[in-house]
Amino acid sequence: MKNEFDKYEKEILESFKAGEWQEIENMPEEIEKHKEYAAETFKKNKRVNIRLSERDINLLKIRAMEEGIPYQTLIASILHKYVSGKFESQ
């Protein structure tokens, strides 16, 4: 298998080779801190009630079945991607 890199991976490799990367002090503490950030990001501790049309709910349920996930999870995923700037409309 040929070791091919995409454009982004090549940029990272060149940056590393150019000495642009710095070692992080206290790496174990930094890892733990970021694990906590990640856990807080994905904690689902708030409830939201919204009203949607029956047609939209049915379409969401169909898409969720295609993805193999519950429709509420699909809605939460769509909202998360939108607010984090990662939502891409097809």
N, C-alpha and C. Protein backbone atom coordinates (compact mmCIF):
# COMPACT_ATOMS: atom_id res chain seq x y z
N MET A 1 0.83 -1.18 0.00
CA MET A 1 0.00 0.00 0.00
C MET A 1 0.88 1.25 0.00
N LYS A 2 0.60 2.15 -0.88
CA LYS A 2 1.37 3.38 -1.01
C LYS A 2 1.01 4.35 0.12
N ASN A 3 2.00 5.01 0.67
CA ASN A 3 1.78 5.94 1.77
C ASN A 3 1.49 7.33 1.20
N GLU A 4 0.22 7.59 0.89
CA GLU A 4 -0.20 8.86 0.31
C GLU A 4 -0.80 9.76 1.39
N PHE A 5 -0.44 11.03 1.38
CA PHE A 5 -1.00 11.99 2.31
C PHE A 5 -1.87 12.97 1.54
N ASP A 6 -2.95 13.42 2.18
CA ASP A 6 -3.75 14.46 1.55
C ASP A 6 -3.07 15.82 1.79
N LYS A 7 -3.63 16.87 1.22
CA LYS A 7 -3.02 18.20 1.31
C LYS A 7 -2.84 18.64 2.76
N TYR A 8 -3.86 18.43 3.58
CA TYR A 8 -3.81 18.83 4.99
C TYR A 8 -2.72 18.08 5.74
N GLU A 9 -2.62 16.78 5.50
CA GLU A 9 -1.60 15.98 6.16
C GLU A 9 -0.20 16.41 5.74
N LYS A 10 -0.03 16.75 4.46
CA LYS A 10 1.28 17.22 3.97
C LYS A 10 1.66 18.54 4.64
N GLU A 11 0.68 19.44 4.82
CA GLU A 11 0.95 20.71 5.49
C GLU A 11 1.41 20.49 6.92
N ILE A 12 0.76 19.56 7.62
CA ILE A 12 1.15 19.26 9.00
C ILE A 12 2.57 18.69 9.04
N LEU A 13 2.87 17.77 8.14
CA LEU A 13 4.21 17.17 8.10
C LEU A 13 5.27 18.22 7.82
N GLU A 14 5.02 19.10 6.87
CA GLU A 14 5.99 20.15 6.55
C GLU A 14 6.18 21.10 7.73
N SER A 15 5.09 21.42 8.41
CA SER A 15 5.16 22.28 9.59
C SER A 15 6.01 21.63 10.68
N PHE A 16 5.81 20.33 10.87
CA PHE A 16 6.60 19.60 11.87
C PHE A 16 8.08 19.59 11.50
N LYS A 17 8.36 19.29 10.24
CA LYS A 17 9.75 19.24 9.78
C LYS A 17 10.42 20.60 9.90
N ALA A 18 9.63 21.69 9.76
CA ALA A 18 10.19 23.04 9.84
C ALA A 18 10.42 23.48 11.29
N GLY A 19 10.10 22.62 12.24
CA GLY A 19 10.33 22.94 13.64
C GLY A 19 9.31 23.90 14.24
N GLU A 20 8.13 23.96 13.66
CA GLU A 20 7.10 24.89 14.13
C GLU A 20 6.30 24.34 15.31
N TRP A 21 6.56 23.12 15.71
CA TRP A 21 5.80 22.50 16.80
C TRP A 21 6.61 22.62 18.09
N GLN A 22 5.90 22.80 19.19
CA GLN A 22 6.56 22.92 20.49
C GLN A 22 5.99 21.87 21.44
N GLU A 23 6.86 21.34 22.27
CA GLU A 23 6.43 20.36 23.26
C GLU A 23 5.62 21.06 24.35
N ILE A 24 4.58 20.40 24.79
CA ILE A 24 3.73 20.95 25.84
C ILE A 24 4.25 20.50 27.19
N GLU A 25 4.41 21.46 28.10
CA GLU A 25 4.83 21.12 29.45
C GLU A 25 3.66 20.47 30.17
N ASN A 26 3.95 19.59 31.10
CA ASN A 26 2.93 18.93 31.92
C ASN A 26 1.88 18.21 31.05
N MET A 27 2.35 17.43 30.11
CA MET A 27 1.45 16.76 29.17
C MET A 27 0.35 15.93 29.84
N PRO A 28 0.64 15.12 30.86
CA PRO A 28 -0.44 14.34 31.49
C PRO A 28 -1.56 15.23 32.06
N GLU A 29 -1.18 16.37 32.68
CA GLU A 29 -2.18 17.28 33.22
C GLU A 29 -3.00 17.91 32.10
N GLU A 30 -2.35 18.27 31.01
CA GLU A 30 -3.05 18.86 29.87
C GLU A 30 -4.04 17.87 29.26
N ILE A 31 -3.63 16.61 29.16
CA ILE A 31 -4.52 15.58 28.61
C ILE A 31 -5.75 15.45 29.49
N GLU A 32 -5.56 15.39 30.80
CA GLU A 32 -6.70 15.27 31.72
C GLU A 32 -7.63 16.48 31.61
N LYS A 33 -7.05 17.67 31.52
CA LYS A 33 -7.85 18.89 31.41
C LYS A 33 -8.72 18.84 30.16
N HIS A 34 -8.15 18.41 29.06
CA HIS A 34 -8.90 18.38 27.79
C HIS A 34 -9.91 17.24 27.76
N LYS A 35 -9.63 16.15 28.48
CA LYS A 35 -10.63 15.09 28.62
C LYS A 35 -11.86 15.63 29.34
N GLU A 36 -11.63 16.44 30.37
CA GLU A 36 -12.75 17.05 31.10
C GLU A 36 -13.53 18.00 30.21
N TYR A 37 -12.82 18.79 29.40
CA TYR A 37 -13.51 19.70 28.47
C TYR A 37 -14.40 18.90 27.52
N ALA A 38 -13.86 17.81 26.99
CA ALA A 38 -14.61 16.98 26.04
C ALA A 38 -15.84 16.38 26.71
N ALA A 39 -15.67 15.88 27.93
CA ALA A 39 -16.80 15.29 28.64
C ALA A 39 -17.90 16.32 28.87
N GLU A 40 -17.52 17.54 29.22
CA GLU A 40 -18.51 18.60 29.44
C GLU A 40 -19.21 18.99 28.15
N THR A 41 -18.47 18.94 27.05
CA THR A 41 -19.04 19.30 25.75
C THR A 41 -20.16 18.35 25.36
N PHE A 42 -19.99 17.08 25.67
CA PHE A 42 -20.96 16.09 25.24
C PHE A 42 -21.97 15.72 26.31
N LYS A 43 -21.91 16.37 27.45
CA LYS A 43 -22.87 16.11 28.51
C LYS A 43 -24.23 16.67 28.07
N LYS A 44 -25.23 15.84 28.17
CA LYS A 44 -26.58 16.27 27.79
C LYS A 44 -27.36 16.48 29.07
N ASN A 45 -27.32 17.71 29.57
CA ASN A 45 -27.95 17.97 30.85
C ASN A 45 -29.06 19.02 30.78
N LYS A 46 -29.47 19.41 29.59
CA LYS A 46 -30.55 20.38 29.42
C LYS A 46 -31.60 19.80 28.48
N ARG A 47 -32.84 20.07 28.80
CA ARG A 47 -33.95 19.60 27.98
C ARG A 47 -34.52 20.78 27.20
N VAL A 48 -34.89 20.54 25.94
CA VAL A 48 -35.49 21.56 25.09
C VAL A 48 -36.76 20.99 24.48
N ASN A 49 -37.81 21.76 24.49
CA ASN A 49 -39.06 21.35 23.85
C ASN A 49 -39.31 22.27 22.66
N ILE A 50 -39.53 21.67 21.49
CA ILE A 50 -39.84 22.45 20.30
C ILE A 50 -41.03 21.81 19.59
N ARG A 51 -41.72 22.61 18.82
CA ARG A 51 -42.84 22.11 18.03
C ARG A 51 -42.40 22.10 16.58
N LEU A 52 -42.58 20.96 15.94
CA LEU A 52 -42.23 20.79 14.53
C LEU A 52 -43.44 20.24 13.80
N SER A 53 -43.45 20.45 12.50
CA SER A 53 -44.55 19.90 11.71
C SER A 53 -44.46 18.38 11.68
N GLU A 54 -45.62 17.74 11.54
CA GLU A 54 -45.65 16.28 11.46
C GLU A 54 -44.82 15.80 10.28
N ARG A 55 -44.89 16.54 9.18
CA ARG A 55 -44.11 16.17 7.98
C ARG A 55 -42.62 16.18 8.27
N ASP A 56 -42.13 17.23 8.95
CA ASP A 56 -40.71 17.30 9.27
C ASP A 56 -40.29 16.18 10.21
N ILE A 57 -41.12 15.89 11.20
CA ILE A 57 -40.82 14.79 12.13
C ILE A 57 -40.72 13.47 11.37
N ASN A 58 -41.67 13.23 10.47
CA ASN A 58 -41.64 11.99 9.69
C ASN A 58 -40.39 11.90 8.83
N LEU A 59 -40.00 13.02 8.21
CA LEU A 59 -38.79 13.03 7.39
C LEU A 59 -37.55 12.80 8.27
N LEU A 60 -37.53 13.40 9.46
CA LEU A 60 -36.42 13.19 10.38
C LEU A 60 -36.32 11.72 10.80
N LYS A 61 -37.47 11.10 11.05
CA LYS A 61 -37.48 9.70 11.44
C LYS A 61 -36.96 8.81 10.32
N ILE A 62 -37.32 9.14 9.08
CA ILE A 62 -36.83 8.37 7.94
C ILE A 62 -35.31 8.50 7.83
N ARG A 63 -34.82 9.74 7.91
CA ARG A 63 -33.36 9.96 7.81
C ARG A 63 -32.63 9.26 8.96
N ALA A 64 -33.22 9.31 10.15
CA ALA A 64 -32.60 8.66 11.31
C ALA A 64 -32.53 7.16 11.11
N MET A 65 -33.60 6.57 10.57
CA MET A 65 -33.58 5.12 10.30
C MET A 65 -32.49 4.78 9.29
N GLU A 66 -32.32 5.64 8.28
CA GLU A 66 -31.26 5.42 7.28
C GLU A 66 -29.89 5.45 7.93
N GLU A 67 -29.72 6.31 8.94
CA GLU A 67 -28.45 6.44 9.65
C GLU A 67 -28.31 5.40 10.76
N GLY A 68 -29.41 4.76 11.14
CA GLY A 68 -29.38 3.76 12.19
C GLY A 68 -29.29 4.36 13.59
N ILE A 69 -29.88 5.55 13.77
CA ILE A 69 -29.86 6.21 15.07
C ILE A 69 -31.26 6.70 15.41
N PRO A 70 -31.54 6.95 16.70
CA PRO A 70 -32.84 7.53 17.06
C PRO A 70 -32.99 8.94 16.47
N TYR A 71 -34.24 9.31 16.17
CA TYR A 71 -34.42 10.61 15.53
C TYR A 71 -34.06 11.77 16.46
N GLN A 72 -34.22 11.60 17.78
CA GLN A 72 -33.82 12.66 18.70
C GLN A 72 -32.30 12.88 18.65
N THR A 73 -31.56 11.78 18.51
CA THR A 73 -30.10 11.87 18.39
C THR A 73 -29.72 12.60 17.11
N LEU A 74 -30.45 12.32 16.03
CA LEU A 74 -30.19 13.00 14.76
C LEU A 74 -30.43 14.50 14.91
N ILE A 75 -31.53 14.88 15.55
CA ILE A 75 -31.83 16.30 15.75
C ILE A 75 -30.73 16.96 16.57
N ALA A 76 -30.31 16.31 17.66
CA ALA A 76 -29.24 16.87 18.51
C ALA A 76 -27.95 17.02 17.72
N SER A 77 -27.64 16.04 16.86
CA SER A 77 -26.43 16.08 16.05
C SER A 77 -26.48 17.24 15.05
N ILE A 78 -27.63 17.42 14.41
CA ILE A 78 -27.79 18.52 13.45
C ILE A 78 -27.59 19.85 14.15
N LEU A 79 -28.23 20.02 15.30
CA LEU A 79 -28.10 21.28 16.04
C LEU A 79 -26.66 21.51 16.49
N HIS A 80 -26.00 20.46 16.98
CA HIS A 80 -24.61 20.61 17.42
C HIS A 80 -23.72 21.03 16.25
N LYS A 81 -23.87 20.37 15.11
CA LYS A 81 -23.06 20.72 13.94
C LYS A 81 -23.32 22.16 13.50
N TYR A 82 -24.57 22.58 13.56
CA TYR A 82 -24.92 23.94 13.15
C TYR A 82 -24.27 24.98 14.05
N VAL A 83 -24.43 24.83 15.37
CA VAL A 83 -23.90 25.85 16.27
C VAL A 83 -22.38 25.84 16.34
N SER A 84 -21.75 24.70 16.01
CA SER A 84 -20.29 24.65 16.02
C SER A 84 -19.68 24.99 14.67
N GLY A 85 -20.54 25.38 13.71
CA GLY A 85 -20.05 25.80 12.40
C GLY A 85 -19.62 24.68 11.49
N LYS A 86 -20.04 23.45 11.78
CA LYS A 86 -19.63 22.29 11.00
C LYS A 86 -20.75 21.73 10.14
N PHE A 87 -21.91 22.39 10.15
CA PHE A 87 -23.04 21.87 9.38
C PHE A 87 -22.85 22.20 7.92
N GLU A 88 -22.94 21.17 7.10
CA GLU A 88 -22.81 21.34 5.65
C GLU A 88 -24.08 20.86 4.98
N SER A 89 -24.79 21.76 4.36
CA SER A 89 -26.02 21.39 3.66
C SER A 89 -25.67 20.70 2.37
N GLN A 90 -26.46 19.67 2.01
CA GLN A 90 -26.17 18.91 0.80
C GLN A 90 -26.90 19.46 -0.38
